[in-house]
N, C-alpha and C. Protein backbone atom coordinates (compact mmCIF):
# COMPACT_ATOMS: atom_id res chain seq x y z
N MET A 1 -108.43 -13.88 -49.67
CA MET A 1 -109.30 -15.00 -49.87
C MET A 1 -109.21 -15.56 -51.29
N ALA A 2 -108.54 -14.90 -52.17
CA ALA A 2 -108.45 -15.35 -53.55
C ALA A 2 -107.81 -16.72 -53.67
N ILE A 3 -106.93 -17.05 -52.75
CA ILE A 3 -106.25 -18.34 -52.82
C ILE A 3 -107.24 -19.50 -52.73
N ALA A 4 -108.29 -19.36 -51.95
CA ALA A 4 -109.27 -20.43 -51.82
C ALA A 4 -109.98 -20.69 -53.13
N VAL A 5 -110.17 -19.68 -53.95
CA VAL A 5 -110.82 -19.85 -55.24
C VAL A 5 -109.95 -20.65 -56.18
N ASN A 6 -108.63 -20.53 -56.04
CA ASN A 6 -107.70 -21.20 -56.94
C ASN A 6 -107.42 -22.66 -56.58
N VAL A 7 -107.89 -23.14 -55.46
CA VAL A 7 -107.58 -24.50 -55.03
C VAL A 7 -108.57 -25.47 -55.66
N LYS A 8 -108.03 -26.51 -56.33
CA LYS A 8 -108.84 -27.52 -56.99
C LYS A 8 -108.31 -28.89 -56.59
N PRO A 9 -109.10 -29.95 -56.80
CA PRO A 9 -108.64 -31.30 -56.45
C PRO A 9 -107.34 -31.67 -57.16
N LYS A 10 -106.63 -32.63 -56.59
CA LYS A 10 -105.34 -33.06 -57.09
C LYS A 10 -105.40 -33.47 -58.56
N GLU A 11 -106.50 -34.11 -58.98
CA GLU A 11 -106.61 -34.56 -60.37
C GLU A 11 -106.52 -33.38 -61.34
N GLN A 12 -106.83 -32.18 -60.87
CA GLN A 12 -106.81 -31.02 -61.75
C GLN A 12 -105.48 -30.27 -61.65
N GLY A 13 -104.51 -30.87 -61.00
CA GLY A 13 -103.16 -30.35 -61.03
C GLY A 13 -102.80 -29.28 -60.01
N VAL A 14 -103.42 -29.28 -58.84
CA VAL A 14 -103.06 -28.31 -57.81
C VAL A 14 -101.66 -28.61 -57.31
N GLN A 15 -100.85 -27.58 -57.22
CA GLN A 15 -99.52 -27.74 -56.67
C GLN A 15 -99.62 -27.89 -55.16
N LEU A 16 -98.71 -28.66 -54.56
CA LEU A 16 -98.68 -28.84 -53.12
C LEU A 16 -98.56 -27.49 -52.42
N LYS A 17 -97.83 -26.55 -53.02
CA LYS A 17 -97.69 -25.22 -52.44
C LYS A 17 -99.06 -24.58 -52.22
N HIS A 18 -99.93 -24.67 -53.21
CA HIS A 18 -101.27 -24.08 -53.09
C HIS A 18 -102.09 -24.83 -52.03
N ASN A 19 -101.92 -26.13 -51.97
CA ASN A 19 -102.62 -26.91 -50.96
C ASN A 19 -102.19 -26.48 -49.56
N GLU A 20 -100.90 -26.29 -49.35
CA GLU A 20 -100.40 -25.84 -48.06
C GLU A 20 -100.94 -24.46 -47.71
N GLN A 21 -101.02 -23.58 -48.70
CA GLN A 21 -101.57 -22.24 -48.47
C GLN A 21 -103.05 -22.32 -48.11
N PHE A 22 -103.77 -23.20 -48.77
CA PHE A 22 -105.19 -23.37 -48.45
C PHE A 22 -105.36 -23.91 -47.02
N VAL A 23 -104.54 -24.89 -46.65
CA VAL A 23 -104.61 -25.45 -45.30
C VAL A 23 -104.33 -24.36 -44.28
N GLN A 24 -103.34 -23.50 -44.54
CA GLN A 24 -103.03 -22.39 -43.62
C GLN A 24 -104.21 -21.43 -43.52
N LEU A 25 -104.79 -21.06 -44.65
CA LEU A 25 -105.93 -20.15 -44.65
C LEU A 25 -107.09 -20.76 -43.87
N PHE A 26 -107.40 -22.01 -44.13
CA PHE A 26 -108.48 -22.70 -43.43
C PHE A 26 -108.19 -22.78 -41.94
N SER A 27 -106.95 -23.14 -41.58
CA SER A 27 -106.57 -23.26 -40.17
C SER A 27 -106.71 -21.93 -39.44
N HIS A 28 -106.27 -20.87 -40.07
CA HIS A 28 -106.35 -19.55 -39.42
C HIS A 28 -107.79 -19.11 -39.22
N THR A 29 -108.61 -19.25 -40.25
CA THR A 29 -109.97 -18.71 -40.19
C THR A 29 -110.95 -19.60 -39.43
N HIS A 30 -110.67 -20.90 -39.34
CA HIS A 30 -111.60 -21.81 -38.67
C HIS A 30 -111.17 -22.25 -37.28
N PHE A 31 -109.89 -22.12 -36.96
CA PHE A 31 -109.41 -22.57 -35.66
C PHE A 31 -108.69 -21.47 -34.89
N LEU A 32 -107.66 -20.91 -35.49
CA LEU A 32 -106.80 -19.97 -34.79
C LEU A 32 -107.54 -18.70 -34.35
N VAL A 33 -108.16 -18.00 -35.29
CA VAL A 33 -108.84 -16.74 -34.96
C VAL A 33 -110.00 -16.98 -33.99
N PRO A 34 -110.89 -17.95 -34.24
CA PRO A 34 -111.96 -18.17 -33.25
C PRO A 34 -111.43 -18.55 -31.86
N MET A 35 -110.34 -19.32 -31.81
CA MET A 35 -109.77 -19.68 -30.51
C MET A 35 -109.31 -18.44 -29.76
N PHE A 36 -108.63 -17.54 -30.46
CA PHE A 36 -108.13 -16.34 -29.80
C PHE A 36 -109.24 -15.37 -29.45
N MET A 37 -110.28 -15.31 -30.25
CA MET A 37 -111.42 -14.46 -29.90
C MET A 37 -112.08 -14.99 -28.63
N SER A 38 -112.23 -16.30 -28.53
CA SER A 38 -112.78 -16.91 -27.32
C SER A 38 -111.87 -16.69 -26.12
N LEU A 39 -110.57 -16.85 -26.34
CA LEU A 39 -109.60 -16.65 -25.27
C LEU A 39 -109.68 -15.22 -24.73
N LYS A 40 -109.73 -14.25 -25.62
CA LYS A 40 -109.80 -12.85 -25.18
C LYS A 40 -111.08 -12.61 -24.38
N TYR A 41 -112.18 -13.16 -24.84
CA TYR A 41 -113.46 -13.02 -24.13
C TYR A 41 -113.36 -13.64 -22.74
N GLU A 42 -112.86 -14.87 -22.66
CA GLU A 42 -112.78 -15.57 -21.38
C GLU A 42 -111.83 -14.88 -20.40
N LEU A 43 -110.69 -14.41 -20.89
CA LEU A 43 -109.74 -13.73 -20.01
C LEU A 43 -110.32 -12.44 -19.43
N ASN A 44 -111.22 -11.80 -20.16
CA ASN A 44 -111.83 -10.55 -19.71
C ASN A 44 -113.16 -10.75 -19.00
N SER A 45 -113.60 -11.98 -18.89
CA SER A 45 -114.91 -12.26 -18.29
C SER A 45 -114.84 -12.12 -16.77
N PRO A 46 -115.72 -11.30 -16.19
CA PRO A 46 -115.72 -11.15 -14.72
C PRO A 46 -116.19 -12.42 -14.01
N SER A 47 -116.85 -13.31 -14.73
CA SER A 47 -117.36 -14.52 -14.09
C SER A 47 -116.36 -15.69 -14.13
N ARG A 48 -115.23 -15.50 -14.80
CA ARG A 48 -114.23 -16.58 -14.89
C ARG A 48 -113.62 -16.84 -13.52
N LYS A 49 -113.62 -18.10 -13.11
CA LYS A 49 -113.09 -18.47 -11.80
C LYS A 49 -111.89 -19.41 -11.89
N ALA A 50 -111.65 -19.99 -13.05
CA ALA A 50 -110.58 -20.98 -13.20
C ALA A 50 -109.49 -20.45 -14.12
N PRO A 51 -108.27 -20.93 -13.93
CA PRO A 51 -107.18 -20.54 -14.84
C PRO A 51 -107.39 -21.16 -16.22
N ILE A 52 -106.78 -20.55 -17.22
CA ILE A 52 -106.86 -21.05 -18.60
C ILE A 52 -105.46 -21.51 -19.01
N TYR A 53 -105.37 -22.75 -19.46
CA TYR A 53 -104.11 -23.31 -19.92
C TYR A 53 -104.18 -23.48 -21.44
N CYS A 54 -103.13 -23.08 -22.11
CA CYS A 54 -103.08 -23.17 -23.57
C CYS A 54 -101.85 -23.98 -23.97
N TYR A 55 -101.97 -24.74 -25.03
CA TYR A 55 -100.83 -25.51 -25.52
C TYR A 55 -100.84 -25.56 -27.03
N ARG A 56 -99.67 -25.83 -27.59
CA ARG A 56 -99.55 -26.12 -29.02
C ARG A 56 -98.90 -27.50 -29.10
N PHE A 57 -99.60 -28.40 -29.74
CA PHE A 57 -99.05 -29.73 -29.94
C PHE A 57 -98.34 -29.73 -31.28
N ALA A 58 -97.03 -29.69 -31.26
CA ALA A 58 -96.22 -29.58 -32.48
C ALA A 58 -95.43 -30.85 -32.77
N TYR A 59 -95.67 -31.89 -31.99
CA TYR A 59 -94.94 -33.14 -32.17
C TYR A 59 -95.56 -33.93 -33.33
N ASP A 60 -94.79 -34.19 -34.36
CA ASP A 60 -95.28 -34.88 -35.56
C ASP A 60 -94.75 -36.31 -35.57
N GLY A 61 -95.41 -37.16 -34.81
CA GLY A 61 -94.99 -38.55 -34.71
C GLY A 61 -95.90 -39.49 -35.48
N ASN A 62 -95.86 -40.75 -35.10
CA ASN A 62 -96.62 -41.78 -35.82
C ASN A 62 -98.05 -41.97 -35.34
N LEU A 63 -98.43 -41.36 -34.22
CA LEU A 63 -99.75 -41.62 -33.66
C LEU A 63 -100.78 -40.53 -33.96
N GLY A 64 -100.37 -39.49 -34.67
CA GLY A 64 -101.32 -38.45 -35.06
C GLY A 64 -102.28 -39.00 -36.10
N TRP A 65 -103.53 -39.14 -35.73
CA TRP A 65 -104.46 -39.87 -36.58
C TRP A 65 -105.25 -39.01 -37.55
N PHE A 66 -105.45 -37.76 -37.26
CA PHE A 66 -106.31 -36.95 -38.13
C PHE A 66 -105.73 -36.81 -39.53
N LYS A 67 -104.43 -36.57 -39.60
CA LYS A 67 -103.78 -36.45 -40.90
C LYS A 67 -103.90 -37.76 -41.68
N LYS A 68 -103.76 -38.88 -41.00
CA LYS A 68 -103.91 -40.17 -41.67
C LYS A 68 -105.33 -40.35 -42.20
N LEU A 69 -106.30 -39.95 -41.40
CA LEU A 69 -107.70 -40.04 -41.82
C LEU A 69 -107.94 -39.16 -43.04
N MET A 70 -107.44 -37.93 -43.00
CA MET A 70 -107.64 -37.01 -44.12
C MET A 70 -106.95 -37.52 -45.38
N ALA A 71 -105.75 -38.04 -45.25
CA ALA A 71 -105.02 -38.53 -46.41
C ALA A 71 -105.72 -39.73 -47.05
N SER A 72 -106.34 -40.56 -46.23
CA SER A 72 -107.00 -41.75 -46.78
C SER A 72 -108.37 -41.44 -47.37
N SER A 73 -109.02 -40.36 -46.93
CA SER A 73 -110.37 -40.08 -47.40
C SER A 73 -110.43 -38.95 -48.42
N ARG A 74 -109.33 -38.28 -48.68
CA ARG A 74 -109.31 -37.16 -49.61
C ARG A 74 -108.35 -37.45 -50.75
N LYS A 75 -108.58 -36.83 -51.86
CA LYS A 75 -107.68 -36.99 -53.00
C LYS A 75 -106.79 -35.76 -53.13
N ILE A 76 -106.24 -35.35 -52.00
CA ILE A 76 -105.28 -34.25 -51.98
C ILE A 76 -104.09 -34.68 -51.15
N ASP A 77 -102.97 -34.05 -51.41
CA ASP A 77 -101.79 -34.29 -50.58
C ASP A 77 -101.96 -33.53 -49.28
N ILE A 78 -101.64 -34.17 -48.19
CA ILE A 78 -101.71 -33.53 -46.88
C ILE A 78 -100.33 -32.97 -46.58
N PRO A 79 -100.23 -31.66 -46.32
CA PRO A 79 -98.92 -31.06 -46.04
C PRO A 79 -98.28 -31.68 -44.79
N ALA A 80 -96.96 -31.60 -44.74
CA ALA A 80 -96.22 -32.08 -43.58
C ALA A 80 -96.59 -31.25 -42.36
N GLY A 81 -96.41 -31.83 -41.19
CA GLY A 81 -96.69 -31.12 -39.95
C GLY A 81 -97.85 -31.73 -39.20
N VAL A 82 -98.17 -31.14 -38.09
CA VAL A 82 -99.23 -31.64 -37.22
C VAL A 82 -100.57 -31.03 -37.64
N SER A 83 -101.59 -31.85 -37.64
CA SER A 83 -102.93 -31.40 -38.00
C SER A 83 -103.76 -31.17 -36.75
N HIS A 84 -104.84 -30.43 -36.94
CA HIS A 84 -105.80 -30.20 -35.86
C HIS A 84 -106.24 -31.54 -35.30
N VAL A 85 -106.28 -31.69 -34.02
CA VAL A 85 -106.65 -32.87 -33.23
C VAL A 85 -105.71 -34.07 -33.38
N ASP A 86 -104.54 -33.91 -34.00
CA ASP A 86 -103.58 -35.02 -34.06
C ASP A 86 -103.17 -35.48 -32.67
N GLU A 87 -103.20 -34.57 -31.69
CA GLU A 87 -102.79 -34.95 -30.33
C GLU A 87 -103.70 -36.01 -29.73
N LEU A 88 -104.91 -36.15 -30.24
CA LEU A 88 -105.82 -37.17 -29.69
C LEU A 88 -105.27 -38.58 -29.86
N GLY A 89 -104.44 -38.78 -30.88
CA GLY A 89 -103.79 -40.08 -31.06
C GLY A 89 -102.80 -40.41 -29.94
N TYR A 90 -102.41 -39.39 -29.18
CA TYR A 90 -101.49 -39.58 -28.07
C TYR A 90 -102.22 -39.63 -26.73
N LEU A 91 -103.51 -39.33 -26.75
CA LEU A 91 -104.33 -39.37 -25.54
C LEU A 91 -105.27 -40.57 -25.51
N LEU A 92 -105.76 -40.96 -26.66
CA LEU A 92 -106.79 -41.99 -26.74
C LEU A 92 -106.41 -43.07 -27.74
N SER A 93 -106.78 -44.29 -27.45
CA SER A 93 -106.61 -45.37 -28.43
C SER A 93 -107.74 -45.26 -29.44
N ASN A 94 -107.48 -45.69 -30.66
CA ASN A 94 -108.51 -45.67 -31.69
C ASN A 94 -108.19 -46.70 -32.76
N ASP A 95 -109.13 -46.92 -33.65
CA ASP A 95 -108.96 -47.93 -34.69
C ASP A 95 -108.08 -47.46 -35.85
N LEU A 96 -107.81 -46.17 -35.93
CA LEU A 96 -107.03 -45.64 -37.03
C LEU A 96 -105.54 -45.86 -36.87
N VAL A 97 -105.09 -45.95 -35.64
CA VAL A 97 -103.66 -46.04 -35.37
C VAL A 97 -103.39 -47.22 -34.44
N ASP A 98 -102.55 -48.13 -34.88
CA ASP A 98 -102.16 -49.27 -34.06
C ASP A 98 -100.97 -48.85 -33.19
N HIS A 99 -101.25 -48.49 -31.96
CA HIS A 99 -100.20 -47.99 -31.06
C HIS A 99 -99.06 -48.98 -30.90
N LYS A 100 -99.38 -50.23 -30.72
CA LYS A 100 -98.34 -51.23 -30.48
C LYS A 100 -97.42 -51.37 -31.69
N LYS A 101 -97.97 -51.28 -32.87
CA LYS A 101 -97.20 -51.47 -34.09
C LYS A 101 -96.46 -50.20 -34.53
N LEU A 102 -97.08 -49.03 -34.37
CA LEU A 102 -96.54 -47.81 -34.94
C LEU A 102 -95.74 -46.93 -33.98
N ALA A 103 -95.99 -47.04 -32.68
CA ALA A 103 -95.38 -46.12 -31.72
C ALA A 103 -93.87 -46.30 -31.62
N THR A 104 -93.15 -45.21 -31.77
CA THR A 104 -91.71 -45.19 -31.55
C THR A 104 -91.46 -44.93 -30.06
N GLU A 105 -90.22 -44.97 -29.65
CA GLU A 105 -89.87 -44.65 -28.26
C GLU A 105 -90.28 -43.21 -27.94
N ASP A 106 -90.02 -42.27 -28.85
CA ASP A 106 -90.44 -40.88 -28.63
C ASP A 106 -91.95 -40.76 -28.54
N ASP A 107 -92.68 -41.50 -29.38
CA ASP A 107 -94.15 -41.49 -29.31
C ASP A 107 -94.62 -41.93 -27.93
N ARG A 108 -94.02 -43.01 -27.41
CA ARG A 108 -94.41 -43.51 -26.08
C ARG A 108 -94.09 -42.49 -24.98
N LYS A 109 -92.98 -41.78 -25.12
CA LYS A 109 -92.64 -40.74 -24.14
C LYS A 109 -93.65 -39.60 -24.19
N ILE A 110 -94.04 -39.20 -25.39
CA ILE A 110 -95.05 -38.13 -25.53
C ILE A 110 -96.37 -38.60 -24.93
N VAL A 111 -96.78 -39.82 -25.21
CA VAL A 111 -98.01 -40.37 -24.63
C VAL A 111 -97.96 -40.27 -23.12
N ASP A 112 -96.85 -40.69 -22.53
CA ASP A 112 -96.71 -40.68 -21.07
C ASP A 112 -96.78 -39.25 -20.51
N LYS A 113 -96.04 -38.35 -21.10
CA LYS A 113 -96.01 -36.97 -20.59
C LYS A 113 -97.35 -36.26 -20.81
N PHE A 114 -97.91 -36.42 -22.00
CA PHE A 114 -99.15 -35.72 -22.34
C PHE A 114 -100.33 -36.25 -21.53
N THR A 115 -100.43 -37.57 -21.40
CA THR A 115 -101.54 -38.11 -20.61
C THR A 115 -101.40 -37.77 -19.13
N THR A 116 -100.18 -37.64 -18.64
CA THR A 116 -99.98 -37.22 -17.25
C THR A 116 -100.51 -35.81 -17.04
N LEU A 117 -100.17 -34.90 -17.95
CA LEU A 117 -100.67 -33.52 -17.85
C LEU A 117 -102.19 -33.47 -17.88
N TRP A 118 -102.79 -34.18 -18.82
CA TRP A 118 -104.26 -34.17 -18.95
C TRP A 118 -104.93 -34.85 -17.76
N SER A 119 -104.36 -35.94 -17.28
CA SER A 119 -104.93 -36.63 -16.12
C SER A 119 -104.87 -35.75 -14.88
N ASN A 120 -103.73 -35.10 -14.67
CA ASN A 120 -103.61 -34.18 -13.54
C ASN A 120 -104.65 -33.07 -13.62
N PHE A 121 -104.84 -32.52 -14.81
CA PHE A 121 -105.82 -31.45 -14.98
C PHE A 121 -107.23 -31.95 -14.69
N ALA A 122 -107.55 -33.15 -15.16
CA ALA A 122 -108.89 -33.72 -14.92
C ALA A 122 -109.12 -33.96 -13.43
N LYS A 123 -108.09 -34.39 -12.72
CA LYS A 123 -108.23 -34.69 -11.29
C LYS A 123 -108.24 -33.45 -10.41
N THR A 124 -107.38 -32.47 -10.73
CA THR A 124 -107.15 -31.37 -9.79
C THR A 124 -107.43 -29.98 -10.35
N GLY A 125 -107.59 -29.86 -11.66
CA GLY A 125 -107.72 -28.53 -12.26
C GLY A 125 -106.37 -27.90 -12.55
N ASN A 126 -105.29 -28.61 -12.22
CA ASN A 126 -103.93 -28.13 -12.45
C ASN A 126 -103.18 -29.27 -13.17
N PRO A 127 -102.67 -29.02 -14.38
CA PRO A 127 -102.02 -30.10 -15.14
C PRO A 127 -100.64 -30.49 -14.64
N ASN A 128 -100.05 -29.69 -13.78
CA ASN A 128 -98.66 -29.91 -13.38
C ASN A 128 -98.50 -31.07 -12.40
N PRO A 129 -97.38 -31.79 -12.54
CA PRO A 129 -97.05 -32.81 -11.55
C PRO A 129 -96.82 -32.14 -10.20
N ALA A 130 -97.00 -32.88 -9.12
CA ALA A 130 -96.86 -32.31 -7.77
C ALA A 130 -95.45 -31.81 -7.50
N ASP A 131 -94.44 -32.41 -8.14
CA ASP A 131 -93.06 -32.08 -7.81
C ASP A 131 -92.46 -30.90 -8.58
N HIS A 132 -93.10 -30.44 -9.66
CA HIS A 132 -92.56 -29.27 -10.37
C HIS A 132 -93.58 -28.65 -11.32
N GLN A 133 -93.33 -27.38 -11.63
CA GLN A 133 -94.21 -26.60 -12.51
C GLN A 133 -93.74 -26.78 -13.95
N VAL A 134 -94.59 -27.29 -14.80
CA VAL A 134 -94.29 -27.45 -16.22
C VAL A 134 -95.08 -26.43 -17.03
N TRP A 135 -96.33 -26.23 -16.66
CA TRP A 135 -97.29 -25.50 -17.47
C TRP A 135 -97.91 -24.39 -16.64
N SER A 136 -97.77 -23.17 -17.10
CA SER A 136 -98.36 -22.01 -16.41
C SER A 136 -99.63 -21.57 -17.13
N PRO A 137 -100.62 -21.12 -16.38
CA PRO A 137 -101.83 -20.62 -17.03
C PRO A 137 -101.55 -19.28 -17.72
N ILE A 138 -102.43 -18.92 -18.63
CA ILE A 138 -102.30 -17.64 -19.32
C ILE A 138 -102.59 -16.52 -18.34
N GLU A 139 -101.68 -15.57 -18.27
CA GLU A 139 -101.84 -14.43 -17.37
C GLU A 139 -102.56 -13.27 -18.05
N SER A 140 -102.26 -13.07 -19.35
CA SER A 140 -102.89 -11.97 -20.06
C SER A 140 -103.00 -12.31 -21.54
N TYR A 141 -103.96 -11.69 -22.19
CA TYR A 141 -104.15 -11.89 -23.62
C TYR A 141 -102.93 -11.40 -24.41
N GLU A 142 -102.32 -10.34 -23.95
CA GLU A 142 -101.19 -9.76 -24.66
C GLU A 142 -99.97 -10.68 -24.68
N GLN A 143 -99.75 -11.43 -23.62
CA GLN A 143 -98.59 -12.32 -23.59
C GLN A 143 -98.90 -13.70 -24.15
N ARG A 144 -100.09 -14.20 -23.95
CA ARG A 144 -100.52 -15.50 -24.49
C ARG A 144 -99.48 -16.60 -24.29
N ASN A 145 -99.08 -16.83 -23.04
CA ASN A 145 -98.14 -17.91 -22.80
C ASN A 145 -98.81 -19.26 -23.03
N TYR A 146 -98.01 -20.22 -23.44
CA TYR A 146 -98.53 -21.54 -23.80
C TYR A 146 -97.44 -22.59 -23.63
N LEU A 147 -97.86 -23.82 -23.51
CA LEU A 147 -96.94 -24.94 -23.44
C LEU A 147 -96.73 -25.46 -24.85
N ASP A 148 -95.49 -25.44 -25.30
CA ASP A 148 -95.15 -25.92 -26.64
C ASP A 148 -94.64 -27.35 -26.52
N ILE A 149 -95.38 -28.27 -27.12
CA ILE A 149 -95.03 -29.70 -27.04
C ILE A 149 -94.48 -30.11 -28.39
N ALA A 150 -93.15 -30.05 -28.52
CA ALA A 150 -92.50 -30.30 -29.81
C ALA A 150 -91.85 -31.67 -29.89
N SER A 151 -91.38 -32.17 -28.76
CA SER A 151 -90.73 -33.48 -28.70
C SER A 151 -90.65 -33.88 -27.23
N PRO A 152 -90.31 -35.14 -26.94
CA PRO A 152 -90.20 -35.53 -25.53
C PRO A 152 -89.19 -34.70 -24.75
N SER A 153 -88.16 -34.22 -25.41
CA SER A 153 -87.15 -33.42 -24.72
C SER A 153 -87.39 -31.92 -24.87
N SER A 154 -88.45 -31.54 -25.58
CA SER A 154 -88.76 -30.12 -25.76
C SER A 154 -90.24 -29.86 -25.49
N ILE A 155 -90.55 -29.80 -24.20
CA ILE A 155 -91.89 -29.41 -23.74
C ILE A 155 -91.64 -28.20 -22.84
N VAL A 156 -91.83 -27.00 -23.42
CA VAL A 156 -91.42 -25.77 -22.74
C VAL A 156 -92.50 -24.69 -22.86
N MET A 157 -92.48 -23.79 -21.89
CA MET A 157 -93.36 -22.64 -21.92
C MET A 157 -92.80 -21.60 -22.88
N LYS A 158 -93.70 -21.00 -23.66
CA LYS A 158 -93.34 -19.92 -24.57
C LYS A 158 -94.40 -18.84 -24.45
N LYS A 159 -94.13 -17.69 -25.08
CA LYS A 159 -95.07 -16.56 -25.03
C LYS A 159 -95.46 -16.13 -26.43
N ASN A 160 -96.56 -15.39 -26.50
CA ASN A 160 -97.04 -14.79 -27.74
C ASN A 160 -97.36 -15.81 -28.83
N LEU A 161 -98.17 -16.76 -28.48
CA LEU A 161 -98.59 -17.79 -29.43
C LEU A 161 -99.15 -17.16 -30.70
N ASP A 162 -98.52 -17.45 -31.81
CA ASP A 162 -98.96 -17.00 -33.15
C ASP A 162 -99.20 -15.50 -33.24
N LYS A 163 -98.35 -14.72 -32.61
CA LYS A 163 -98.53 -13.27 -32.57
C LYS A 163 -98.67 -12.66 -33.96
N ASP A 164 -97.78 -13.01 -34.88
CA ASP A 164 -97.83 -12.42 -36.21
C ASP A 164 -99.13 -12.76 -36.95
N LYS A 165 -99.58 -14.00 -36.81
CA LYS A 165 -100.82 -14.41 -37.48
C LYS A 165 -102.03 -13.73 -36.86
N ILE A 166 -102.07 -13.69 -35.55
CA ILE A 166 -103.21 -13.05 -34.86
C ILE A 166 -103.24 -11.57 -35.16
N ASP A 167 -102.08 -10.91 -35.10
CA ASP A 167 -102.04 -9.48 -35.42
C ASP A 167 -102.55 -9.23 -36.83
N PHE A 168 -102.16 -10.07 -37.78
CA PHE A 168 -102.63 -9.91 -39.16
C PHE A 168 -104.16 -10.01 -39.23
N TRP A 169 -104.72 -11.10 -38.66
CA TRP A 169 -106.15 -11.32 -38.78
C TRP A 169 -106.98 -10.33 -37.97
N VAL A 170 -106.49 -9.93 -36.81
CA VAL A 170 -107.23 -8.95 -36.01
C VAL A 170 -107.29 -7.62 -36.73
N ASN A 171 -106.20 -7.26 -37.41
CA ASN A 171 -106.19 -6.00 -38.16
C ASN A 171 -107.05 -6.09 -39.42
N LYS A 172 -107.30 -7.28 -39.93
CA LYS A 172 -108.10 -7.47 -41.15
C LYS A 172 -109.59 -7.55 -40.83
N LEU A 173 -109.92 -8.00 -39.63
CA LEU A 173 -111.34 -8.21 -39.30
C LEU A 173 -112.00 -6.96 -38.79
């Protein structure tokens, strides 16, 4: 936790490296660890009746709005990569991102694929298209399979989401 003490606003000369480390620390302790603790609880709950689907949105395109919002309202450099809730720019229209002006062909493909998965899930409880299986629910906490959405041509199932990070934090807590 010492790294958080060393982080100061950009005007005081914080290196981008320290900012990236702070973002990682914050992400792990405020999003990643609580998500996995909830996931473990839900997977072991005797009252659970529905499958659990997990995904990582790793596509860093032009419609991710949270990073743009943070960059405009903070006096710190925002590290490269996808930010928490950036995927909402691909699901919902908003005033922060002009879809017509900013969307690339890949952005439009991601919008189409991602909204199809979410719409299917909202309608049926299963995100997959009727003609093929794209996304499998989590079978066990130990495997933690998830859909990795990295690009329009790379939307694939993977296992052990953030295993090294989770193992580190679980052993520390």
